């Protein structure tokens, strides 16, 4: 149960990496989100509890379908890495995530 919550909900804590990066460099158009990558799924399947694996898959699938991503590869960490985490390759708007400029209490 706790593992499913961690992989299904707390995975979004990795957005704090982007928040910290972009607070340090306000002009930055980078998006790292290190835990939002399909590459983690096989590792989680092999090493983690199955509820965590299914929660992780659900989270990424919902994100991929509901966020305004440019193409299917956006949620692969390797895709973002090869593009040097430049956000113009990820969203259809091609720019900085809007939530980065909002106060933290509006993120929910």
C-alpha atoms as a PDB file:
ATOM      1  CA  UNK A   1       0.000   0.000   0.000  1.00  0.00           C
ATOM      2  CA  UNK A   2       2.677   2.519   0.984  1.00  0.00           C
ATOM      3  CA  UNK A   3       4.793   1.558  -1.999  1.00  0.00           C
ATOM      4  CA  UNK A   4       1.838   2.196  -4.321  1.00  0.00           C
ATOM      5  CA  UNK A   5       1.315   5.635  -2.782  1.00  0.00           C
ATOM      6  CA  UNK A   6       5.017   6.392  -3.112  1.00  0.00           C
ATOM      7  CA  UNK A   7       5.146   5.399  -6.776  1.00  0.00           C
ATOM      8  CA  UNK A   8       1.730   6.681  -7.752  1.00  0.00           C
ATOM      9  CA  UNK A   9       1.655  10.029  -5.955  1.00  0.00           C
ATOM     10  CA  UNK A  10       4.979  10.890  -4.357  1.00  0.00           C
ATOM     11  CA  UNK A  11       6.722  10.426  -7.699  1.00  0.00           C
ATOM     12  CA  UNK A  12       5.734  14.049  -8.313  1.00  0.00           C
ATOM     13  CA  UNK A  13       8.246  15.146  -5.694  1.00  0.00           C
ATOM     14  CA  UNK A  14      10.790  14.957  -8.493  1.00  0.00           C
ATOM     15  CA  UNK A  15       9.269  18.176  -9.802  1.00  0.00           C
ATOM     16  CA  UNK A  16      11.163  19.848  -6.975  1.00  0.00           C
ATOM     17  CA  UNK A  17      14.331  19.221  -9.003  1.00  0.00           C
ATOM     18  CA  UNK A  18      12.889  21.373 -11.792  1.00  0.00           C
ATOM     19  CA  UNK A  19      11.600  23.940  -9.345  1.00  0.00           C
ATOM     20  CA  UNK A  20      15.041  24.305  -7.689  1.00  0.00           C
ATOM     21  CA  UNK A  21      16.833  24.439 -11.063  1.00  0.00           C
ATOM     22  CA  UNK A  22      14.467  27.074 -12.410  1.00  0.00           C
ATOM     23  CA  UNK A  23      14.542  29.178  -9.225  1.00  0.00           C
ATOM     24  CA  UNK A  24      18.326  29.287  -9.494  1.00  0.00           C
ATOM     25  CA  UNK A  25      18.168  30.112 -13.191  1.00  0.00           C
ATOM     26  CA  UNK A  26      14.847  31.914 -13.829  1.00  0.00           C
ATOM     27  CA  UNK A  27      15.495  32.220 -17.552  1.00  0.00           C
ATOM     28  CA  UNK A  28      15.951  28.453 -17.827  1.00  0.00           C
ATOM     29  CA  UNK A  29      13.734  26.405 -20.089  1.00  0.00           C
ATOM     30  CA  UNK A  30      14.806  23.036 -18.740  1.00  0.00           C
ATOM     31  CA  UNK A  31      12.758  20.133 -17.503  1.00  0.00           C
ATOM     32  CA  UNK A  32      14.498  17.222 -15.804  1.00  0.00           C
ATOM     33  CA  UNK A  33      11.767  15.418 -13.773  1.00  0.00           C
ATOM     34  CA  UNK A  34      14.122  12.474 -13.142  1.00  0.00           C
ATOM     35  CA  UNK A  35      11.537   9.939 -11.940  1.00  0.00           C
ATOM     36  CA  UNK A  36       9.134  10.521 -14.830  1.00  0.00           C
ATOM     37  CA  UNK A  37      10.686   8.052 -17.244  1.00  0.00           C
ATOM     38  CA  UNK A  38       9.423   4.791 -18.676  1.00  0.00           C
ATOM     39  CA  UNK A  39      12.941   3.400 -18.237  1.00  0.00           C
ATOM     40  CA  UNK A  40      12.262   2.988 -14.505  1.00  0.00           C
ATOM     41  CA  UNK A  41       9.363   0.560 -15.112  1.00  0.00           C
ATOM     42  CA  UNK A  42      11.389  -2.631 -15.811  1.00  0.00           C
ATOM     43  CA  UNK A  43      13.614  -1.972 -12.811  1.00  0.00           C
ATOM     44  CA  UNK A  44      10.608  -1.398 -10.579  1.00  0.00           C
ATOM     45  CA  UNK A  45       8.933  -4.520 -11.958  1.00  0.00           C
ATOM     46  CA  UNK A  46      11.978  -6.650 -11.166  1.00  0.00           C
ATOM     47  CA  UNK A  47      12.975  -5.142  -7.829  1.00  0.00           C
ATOM     48  CA  UNK A  48       9.883  -3.541  -6.336  1.00  0.00           C
ATOM     49  CA  UNK A  49       6.519  -4.658  -5.073  1.00  0.00           C
ATOM     50  CA  UNK A  50       3.911  -5.113  -7.805  1.00  0.00           C
ATOM     51  CA  UNK A  51       1.480  -2.471  -6.416  1.00  0.00           C
ATOM     52  CA  UNK A  52       4.287   0.093  -6.744  1.00  0.00           C
ATOM     53  CA  UNK A  53       4.939  -0.995 -10.320  1.00  0.00           C
ATOM     54  CA  UNK A  54       1.266  -0.687 -11.312  1.00  0.00           C
ATOM     55  CA  UNK A  55       0.893   2.673  -9.554  1.00  0.00           C
ATOM     56  CA  UNK A  56       3.980   3.952 -11.376  1.00  0.00           C
ATOM     57  CA  UNK A  57       2.619   2.789 -14.743  1.00  0.00           C
ATOM     58  CA  UNK A  58      -0.720   4.413 -13.999  1.00  0.00           C
ATOM     59  CA  UNK A  59       0.876   7.698 -13.030  1.00  0.00           C
ATOM     60  CA  UNK A  60       3.015   7.907 -16.169  1.00  0.00           C
ATOM     61  CA  UNK A  61       0.155   6.822 -18.431  1.00  0.00           C
ATOM     62  CA  UNK A  62      -2.174   9.481 -17.005  1.00  0.00           C
ATOM     63  CA  UNK A  63       0.556  12.122 -17.272  1.00  0.00           C
ATOM     64  CA  UNK A  64       1.387  11.150 -20.837  1.00  0.00           C
ATOM     65  CA  UNK A  65      -2.263  11.241 -21.903  1.00  0.00           C
ATOM     66  CA  UNK A  66      -3.354  14.334 -20.012  1.00  0.00           C
ATOM     67  CA  UNK A  67      -0.354  16.639 -20.334  1.00  0.00           C
ATOM     68  CA  UNK A  68       0.200  18.599 -23.493  1.00  0.00           C
ATOM     69  CA  UNK A  69       3.280  16.672 -24.649  1.00  0.00           C
ATOM     70  CA  UNK A  70       4.864  17.168 -28.033  1.00  0.00           C
ATOM     71  CA  UNK A  71       5.330  13.485 -28.859  1.00  0.00           C
ATOM     72  CA  UNK A  72       5.191   9.969 -27.429  1.00  0.00           C
ATOM     73  CA  UNK A  73       8.880   9.957 -26.405  1.00  0.00           C
ATOM     74  CA  UNK A  74       8.581  12.877 -23.989  1.00  0.00           C
ATOM     75  CA  UNK A  75       8.204  10.605 -20.963  1.00  0.00           C
ATOM     76  CA  UNK A  76      11.444   8.745 -21.677  1.00  0.00           C
ATOM     77  CA  UNK A  77      14.323  10.025 -19.586  1.00  0.00           C
ATOM     78  CA  UNK A  78      16.758   9.123 -22.379  1.00  0.00           C
ATOM     79  CA  UNK A  79      14.802  11.307 -24.839  1.00  0.00           C
ATOM     80  CA  UNK A  80      15.017  14.267 -22.471  1.00  0.00           C
ATOM     81  CA  UNK A  81      18.692  13.566 -21.736  1.00  0.00           C
ATOM     82  CA  UNK A  82      19.677  13.546 -25.428  1.00  0.00           C
ATOM     83  CA  UNK A  83      17.897  16.879 -25.807  1.00  0.00           C
ATOM     84  CA  UNK A  84      19.757  18.276 -22.790  1.00  0.00           C
ATOM     85  CA  UNK A  85      16.476  18.605 -20.870  1.00  0.00           C
ATOM     86  CA  UNK A  86      15.447  21.528 -23.082  1.00  0.00           C
ATOM     87  CA  UNK A  87      11.701  21.976 -22.504  1.00  0.00           C
ATOM     88  CA  UNK A  88      11.051  23.193 -26.055  1.00  0.00           C
ATOM     89  CA  UNK A  89      11.155  19.530 -27.138  1.00  0.00           C
ATOM     90  CA  UNK A  90       8.622  18.338 -24.575  1.00  0.00           C
ATOM     91  CA  UNK A  91       5.492  20.465 -24.517  1.00  0.00           C
ATOM     92  CA  UNK A  92       3.437  21.654 -27.460  1.00  0.00           C
ATOM     93  CA  UNK A  93       3.862  25.214 -26.208  1.00  0.00           C
ATOM     94  CA  UNK A  94       7.610  24.640 -26.348  1.00  0.00           C
ATOM     95  CA  UNK A  95       8.445  26.580 -23.248  1.00  0.00           C
ATOM     96  CA  UNK A  96       8.640  26.786 -19.525  1.00  0.00           C
ATOM     97  CA  UNK A  97       6.103  24.856 -17.448  1.00  0.00           C
ATOM     98  CA  UNK A  98       3.464  27.253 -16.129  1.00  0.00           C
ATOM     99  CA  UNK A  99       3.484  25.766 -12.629  1.00  0.00           C
ATOM    100  CA  UNK A 100       7.090  26.919 -12.124  1.00  0.00           C
ATOM    101  CA  UNK A 101       5.933  30.520 -11.923  1.00  0.00           C
ATOM    102  CA  UNK A 102       3.050  29.860  -9.551  1.00  0.00           C
ATOM    103  CA  UNK A 103       3.308  29.792  -5.756  1.00  0.00           C
ATOM    104  CA  UNK A 104       3.817  26.276  -4.403  1.00  0.00           C
ATOM    105  CA  UNK A 105       0.384  26.216  -2.758  1.00  0.00           C
ATOM    106  CA  UNK A 106      -1.276  26.472  -6.193  1.00  0.00           C
ATOM    107  CA  UNK A 107       0.430  23.320  -7.472  1.00  0.00           C
ATOM    108  CA  UNK A 108      -2.325  21.080  -6.106  1.00  0.00           C
END
